Amino acid sequence: MQGGNAAVWLIPRCKTWRESAGMRIQQLALEAKVDRATITKIEKHKGISKPLAYRVFNVLNKRHRDSLNDTIEITDNPRKR
């Protein structure tokens, strides 16, 4: 999916992974060093930049003992939900 010249990235199962890790939105935002609105945007399936997607993903992956796969969990395809 293209937004201008920059691709936008999605983490379709962000909310599922956050909740299963027992995290609140604010806690994930703080650990990923993003604002709360970014997490809310992700969980509403809105696109974000690739660097932000990886910051959030890396926190979730750490909470899940490195068991998540970025090539599956981060996508630029809005149909992969």
N, C-alpha and C. Protein backbone atom coordinates (compact mmCIF):
# COMPACT_ATOMS: atom_id res chain seq x y z
N MET A 1 0.85 -1.17 0.00
CA MET A 1 0.00 0.00 0.00
C MET A 1 0.90 1.23 0.00
N GLN A 2 0.61 2.18 -0.82
CA GLN A 2 1.44 3.37 -0.93
C GLN A 2 0.74 4.60 -0.39
N GLY A 3 1.45 5.41 0.36
CA GLY A 3 0.96 6.70 0.84
C GLY A 3 1.96 7.73 0.38
N GLY A 4 1.73 8.38 -0.75
CA GLY A 4 2.74 9.25 -1.33
C GLY A 4 3.86 8.39 -1.84
N ASN A 5 5.09 8.72 -1.45
CA ASN A 5 6.24 7.93 -1.87
C ASN A 5 6.67 6.89 -0.85
N ALA A 6 6.09 6.94 0.35
CA ALA A 6 6.52 6.04 1.41
C ALA A 6 5.46 4.97 1.66
N ALA A 7 5.94 3.74 1.77
CA ALA A 7 5.02 2.65 2.11
C ALA A 7 4.59 2.80 3.56
N VAL A 8 3.40 2.35 3.85
CA VAL A 8 2.95 2.31 5.24
C VAL A 8 2.89 0.85 5.67
N TRP A 9 3.11 0.64 6.94
CA TRP A 9 3.24 -0.70 7.48
C TRP A 9 2.18 -0.95 8.54
N LEU A 10 1.73 -2.19 8.61
CA LEU A 10 0.68 -2.61 9.53
C LEU A 10 1.18 -3.75 10.41
N ILE A 11 0.64 -3.82 11.61
CA ILE A 11 0.87 -4.95 12.50
C ILE A 11 -0.54 -5.46 12.86
N PRO A 12 -1.12 -6.27 11.98
CA PRO A 12 -2.53 -6.65 12.14
C PRO A 12 -2.89 -7.29 13.48
N ARG A 13 -1.97 -8.02 14.08
CA ARG A 13 -2.30 -8.70 15.33
C ARG A 13 -1.69 -8.01 16.55
N CYS A 14 -1.39 -6.73 16.44
CA CYS A 14 -0.77 -5.98 17.53
C CYS A 14 -1.60 -6.10 18.82
N LYS A 15 -2.88 -5.84 18.74
CA LYS A 15 -3.72 -5.88 19.93
C LYS A 15 -3.72 -7.28 20.56
N THR A 16 -3.81 -8.29 19.74
CA THR A 16 -3.79 -9.67 20.24
C THR A 16 -2.49 -9.94 20.99
N TRP A 17 -1.36 -9.58 20.39
CA TRP A 17 -0.07 -9.82 21.01
C TRP A 17 0.11 -8.98 22.27
N ARG A 18 -0.35 -7.74 22.24
CA ARG A 18 -0.24 -6.85 23.41
C ARG A 18 -1.04 -7.43 24.58
N GLU A 19 -2.28 -7.78 24.30
CA GLU A 19 -3.15 -8.30 25.36
C GLU A 19 -2.63 -9.64 25.91
N SER A 20 -2.14 -10.50 25.04
CA SER A 20 -1.64 -11.79 25.51
C SER A 20 -0.36 -11.64 26.33
N ALA A 21 0.33 -10.51 26.15
CA ALA A 21 1.51 -10.21 26.96
C ALA A 21 1.12 -9.51 28.26
N GLY A 22 -0.19 -9.23 28.42
CA GLY A 22 -0.66 -8.57 29.64
C GLY A 22 -0.28 -7.10 29.71
N MET A 23 -0.14 -6.47 28.54
CA MET A 23 0.28 -5.07 28.50
C MET A 23 -0.90 -4.15 28.21
N ARG A 24 -0.84 -2.96 28.78
CA ARG A 24 -1.78 -1.90 28.44
C ARG A 24 -1.18 -1.09 27.29
N ILE A 25 -2.04 -0.36 26.61
CA ILE A 25 -1.57 0.47 25.48
C ILE A 25 -0.45 1.40 25.93
N GLN A 26 -0.63 2.08 27.04
CA GLN A 26 0.37 3.03 27.52
C GLN A 26 1.70 2.35 27.81
N GLN A 27 1.66 1.17 28.36
CA GLN A 27 2.89 0.44 28.67
C GLN A 27 3.65 0.08 27.40
N LEU A 28 2.94 -0.41 26.38
CA LEU A 28 3.58 -0.72 25.11
C LEU A 28 4.16 0.54 24.48
N ALA A 29 3.41 1.61 24.53
CA ALA A 29 3.89 2.88 23.96
C ALA A 29 5.17 3.34 24.64
N LEU A 30 5.21 3.27 25.96
CA LEU A 30 6.40 3.70 26.69
C LEU A 30 7.61 2.83 26.35
N GLU A 31 7.41 1.53 26.33
CA GLU A 31 8.53 0.63 26.05
C GLU A 31 9.02 0.76 24.61
N ALA A 32 8.11 1.05 23.68
CA ALA A 32 8.49 1.20 22.27
C ALA A 32 8.95 2.62 21.95
N LYS A 33 8.81 3.51 22.93
CA LYS A 33 9.20 4.92 22.76
C LYS A 33 8.41 5.58 21.61
N VAL A 34 7.09 5.31 21.64
CA VAL A 34 6.17 5.97 20.71
C VAL A 34 5.03 6.54 21.55
N ASP A 35 4.22 7.39 20.95
CA ASP A 35 3.10 7.89 21.74
C ASP A 35 1.93 6.91 21.71
N ARG A 36 1.05 7.09 22.67
CA ARG A 36 -0.11 6.21 22.82
C ARG A 36 -0.96 6.19 21.55
N ALA A 37 -1.05 7.35 20.89
CA ALA A 37 -1.84 7.45 19.66
C ALA A 37 -1.30 6.53 18.56
N THR A 38 0.00 6.30 18.55
CA THR A 38 0.59 5.40 17.57
C THR A 38 0.10 3.97 17.78
N ILE A 39 0.05 3.54 19.04
CA ILE A 39 -0.44 2.19 19.33
C ILE A 39 -1.91 2.07 18.96
N THR A 40 -2.68 3.08 19.30
CA THR A 40 -4.10 3.08 18.95
C THR A 40 -4.28 3.01 17.44
N LYS A 41 -3.47 3.76 16.72
CA LYS A 41 -3.52 3.76 15.25
C LYS A 41 -3.22 2.36 14.71
N ILE A 42 -2.20 1.73 15.24
CA ILE A 42 -1.83 0.38 14.81
C ILE A 42 -3.00 -0.58 15.05
N GLU A 43 -3.58 -0.48 16.24
CA GLU A 43 -4.65 -1.41 16.60
C GLU A 43 -5.94 -1.16 15.82
N LYS A 44 -6.05 0.01 15.21
CA LYS A 44 -7.20 0.29 14.34
C LYS A 44 -6.85 -0.01 12.89
N HIS A 45 -5.74 -0.71 12.69
CA HIS A 45 -5.27 -1.14 11.37
C HIS A 45 -4.98 0.02 10.44
N LYS A 46 -4.41 1.09 11.01
CA LYS A 46 -3.93 2.22 10.22
C LYS A 46 -2.44 2.05 10.02
N GLY A 47 -1.96 2.48 8.88
CA GLY A 47 -0.54 2.32 8.57
C GLY A 47 0.35 3.29 9.30
N ILE A 48 1.56 2.84 9.58
CA ILE A 48 2.60 3.66 10.21
C ILE A 48 3.90 3.45 9.43
N SER A 49 4.93 4.18 9.82
CA SER A 49 6.21 4.03 9.13
C SER A 49 6.87 2.70 9.55
N LYS A 50 7.75 2.23 8.70
CA LYS A 50 8.45 0.97 8.98
C LYS A 50 9.27 1.04 10.27
N PRO A 51 10.01 2.13 10.51
CA PRO A 51 10.78 2.19 11.77
C PRO A 51 9.88 2.10 13.01
N LEU A 52 8.75 2.78 12.98
CA LEU A 52 7.83 2.70 14.12
C LEU A 52 7.27 1.30 14.27
N ALA A 53 6.91 0.68 13.16
CA ALA A 53 6.38 -0.68 13.21
C ALA A 53 7.39 -1.62 13.86
N TYR A 54 8.65 -1.48 13.52
CA TYR A 54 9.67 -2.35 14.09
C TYR A 54 9.92 -2.05 15.56
N ARG A 55 9.81 -0.80 15.99
CA ARG A 55 9.96 -0.49 17.41
C ARG A 55 8.89 -1.17 18.23
N VAL A 56 7.66 -1.10 17.76
CA VAL A 56 6.55 -1.74 18.46
C VAL A 56 6.69 -3.26 18.40
N PHE A 57 6.96 -3.78 17.22
CA PHE A 57 7.12 -5.22 17.05
C PHE A 57 8.22 -5.77 17.97
N ASN A 58 9.35 -5.09 18.05
CA ASN A 58 10.46 -5.58 18.86
C ASN A 58 10.09 -5.70 20.34
N VAL A 59 9.30 -4.76 20.84
CA VAL A 59 8.84 -4.85 22.23
C VAL A 59 7.92 -6.06 22.39
N LEU A 60 6.98 -6.20 21.48
CA LEU A 60 6.06 -7.34 21.55
C LEU A 60 6.82 -8.66 21.44
N ASN A 61 7.76 -8.71 20.54
CA ASN A 61 8.54 -9.93 20.33
C ASN A 61 9.34 -10.28 21.59
N LYS A 62 9.92 -9.29 22.23
CA LYS A 62 10.66 -9.52 23.46
C LYS A 62 9.73 -10.09 24.53
N ARG A 63 8.53 -9.54 24.64
CA ARG A 63 7.54 -10.02 25.62
C ARG A 63 7.10 -11.45 25.33
N HIS A 64 7.20 -11.84 24.07
CA HIS A 64 6.81 -13.19 23.68
C HIS A 64 8.03 -14.08 23.46
N ARG A 65 9.10 -13.75 24.17
CA ARG A 65 10.33 -14.56 24.17
C ARG A 65 10.87 -14.82 22.77
N ASP A 66 10.86 -13.79 21.96
CA ASP A 66 11.40 -13.86 20.59
C ASP A 66 10.75 -14.94 19.74
N SER A 67 9.47 -15.18 19.96
CA SER A 67 8.78 -16.23 19.21
C SER A 67 8.00 -15.69 18.01
N LEU A 68 7.94 -14.36 17.86
CA LEU A 68 7.19 -13.77 16.75
C LEU A 68 8.10 -13.63 15.53
N ASN A 69 7.51 -13.65 14.37
CA ASN A 69 8.26 -13.54 13.12
C ASN A 69 7.88 -12.24 12.44
N ASP A 70 8.83 -11.35 12.28
CA ASP A 70 8.53 -10.04 11.71
C ASP A 70 8.00 -10.14 10.28
N THR A 71 8.44 -11.12 9.52
CA THR A 71 7.96 -11.22 8.14
C THR A 71 6.49 -11.65 8.07
N ILE A 72 5.98 -12.19 9.16
CA ILE A 72 4.57 -12.55 9.23
C ILE A 72 3.75 -11.44 9.91
N GLU A 73 4.30 -10.86 10.97
CA GLU A 73 3.56 -9.92 11.80
C GLU A 73 3.56 -8.48 11.30
N ILE A 74 4.53 -8.12 10.48
CA ILE A 74 4.59 -6.76 9.93
C ILE A 74 4.36 -6.86 8.43
N THR A 75 3.42 -6.08 7.93
CA THR A 75 3.09 -6.17 6.50
C THR A 75 2.80 -4.80 5.92
N ASP A 76 3.01 -4.68 4.64
CA ASP A 76 2.59 -3.47 3.92
C ASP A 76 1.37 -3.79 3.07
N ASN A 77 0.76 -4.96 3.31
CA ASN A 77 -0.40 -5.39 2.57
C ASN A 77 -1.64 -5.30 3.46
N PRO A 78 -2.53 -4.37 3.22
CA PRO A 78 -3.70 -4.19 4.09
C PRO A 78 -4.65 -5.38 4.10
N ARG A 79 -4.51 -6.28 3.15
CA ARG A 79 -5.39 -7.46 3.11
C ARG A 79 -4.92 -8.57 4.04
N LYS A 80 -3.68 -8.50 4.51
CA LYS A 80 -3.14 -9.54 5.40
C LYS A 80 -3.54 -9.22 6.83
N ARG A 81 -4.78 -9.37 7.16
CA ARG A 81 -5.23 -9.13 8.54
C ARG A 81 -5.60 -10.43 9.09
